């Protein structure tokens, strides 16, 4: 009987575990069914999140890191300008 090398057995076990764990039976956004940043942000590099009446900005950097910062009043005041610029096509 031929035995598989340990590395291949371990790789197969990880693949099986990933298929079992990452399935739609778990709530979307849970650790077992995560949402990708691209899906969450709909292709944008940043997302504004409201939490406990505070506004936060989650950004993806050029190096692929995520940064979460509390949005300042200046950032919030720019939102209407950004919306009107998008609507006018500027």
Protein backbone atom coordinates (compact mmCIF):
# COMPACT_ATOMS: atom_id res chain seq x y z
CA UNK A 1 0.00 0.00 0.00
CA UNK A 2 1.37 3.41 -1.00
CA UNK A 3 1.26 6.07 1.67
CA UNK A 4 0.80 9.75 0.89
CA UNK A 5 3.43 12.14 2.16
CA UNK A 6 2.35 13.98 5.32
CA UNK A 7 2.36 17.36 3.51
CA UNK A 8 -0.23 16.14 1.00
CA UNK A 9 -2.44 14.67 3.73
CA UNK A 10 -2.27 17.94 5.67
CA UNK A 11 -3.07 19.96 2.52
CA UNK A 12 -6.07 17.73 1.72
CA UNK A 13 -7.34 18.02 5.30
CA UNK A 14 -7.12 21.83 5.18
CA UNK A 15 -9.01 21.94 1.87
CA UNK A 16 -11.78 19.75 3.27
CA UNK A 17 -11.99 21.83 6.44
CA UNK A 18 -12.25 25.05 4.42
CA UNK A 19 -15.09 23.64 2.32
CA UNK A 20 -16.96 22.52 5.45
CA UNK A 21 -16.43 25.72 7.41
CA UNK A 22 -17.04 28.25 4.66
CA UNK A 23 -20.59 27.53 3.71
CA UNK A 24 -23.90 29.35 3.51
CA UNK A 25 -25.23 27.47 6.56
CA UNK A 26 -23.40 30.00 8.73
CA UNK A 27 -24.56 33.63 9.06
CA UNK A 28 -23.08 35.96 6.43
CA UNK A 29 -20.24 37.95 7.94
CA UNK A 30 -19.51 35.40 10.65
CA UNK A 31 -16.03 33.95 11.03
CA UNK A 32 -17.23 30.81 9.25
CA UNK A 33 -18.77 32.72 6.32
CA UNK A 34 -16.76 35.96 5.98
CA UNK A 35 -17.48 38.82 3.60
CA UNK A 36 -14.58 39.94 1.41
CA UNK A 37 -13.67 43.62 1.59
CA UNK A 38 -14.26 44.00 -2.16
CA UNK A 39 -17.77 42.61 -1.77
CA UNK A 40 -18.43 44.73 1.32
CA UNK A 41 -17.12 47.93 -0.28
CA UNK A 42 -18.58 47.17 -3.72
CA UNK A 43 -15.15 47.76 -5.29
CA UNK A 44 -14.44 51.04 -3.50
CA UNK A 45 -11.28 51.58 -1.45
CA UNK A 46 -13.21 52.91 1.55
CA UNK A 47 -16.47 52.38 3.39
CA UNK A 48 -18.14 54.63 5.96
CA UNK A 49 -19.67 52.76 8.89
CA UNK A 50 -22.06 54.15 11.50
CA UNK A 51 -21.71 52.58 14.94
CA UNK A 52 -23.22 53.89 18.19
CA UNK A 53 -24.03 57.24 16.58
CA UNK A 54 -20.39 57.66 15.49
CA UNK A 55 -19.07 57.61 11.94
CA UNK A 56 -15.99 55.54 11.05
CA UNK A 57 -14.06 55.10 7.82
CA UNK A 58 -12.64 51.70 6.86
CA UNK A 59 -10.02 52.12 4.13
CA UNK A 60 -7.89 49.70 2.12
CA UNK A 61 -4.35 50.96 1.51
CA UNK A 62 -2.27 50.44 -1.65
CA UNK A 63 -0.28 47.84 0.32
CA UNK A 64 -3.43 45.82 1.04
CA UNK A 65 -3.81 46.81 4.70
CA UNK A 66 -7.06 47.91 6.33
CA UNK A 67 -7.27 51.06 8.43
CA UNK A 68 -10.27 51.94 10.62
CA UNK A 69 -10.45 55.54 11.81
CA UNK A 70 -13.10 57.64 13.44
CA UNK A 71 -14.34 60.09 10.83
CA UNK A 72 -13.81 63.73 11.70
CA UNK A 73 -16.37 66.48 11.26
CA UNK A 74 -14.39 67.61 8.22
CA UNK A 75 -14.80 64.21 6.57
CA UNK A 76 -18.52 64.19 7.35
CA UNK A 77 -19.00 67.68 5.93
CA UNK A 78 -17.40 66.55 2.64
CA UNK A 79 -19.97 63.79 2.09
CA UNK A 80 -22.69 66.06 0.56
CA UNK A 81 -20.05 67.56 -1.78
CA UNK A 82 -18.94 64.08 -2.86
CA UNK A 83 -22.54 62.99 -3.48
CA UNK A 84 -23.35 66.04 -5.62
CA UNK A 85 -20.09 65.61 -7.57
CA UNK A 86 -20.97 61.96 -8.28
CA UNK A 87 -24.49 62.90 -9.35
CA UNK A 88 -23.28 65.65 -11.68
CA UNK A 89 -20.59 63.38 -13.16
CA UNK A 90 -17.59 65.55 -12.10
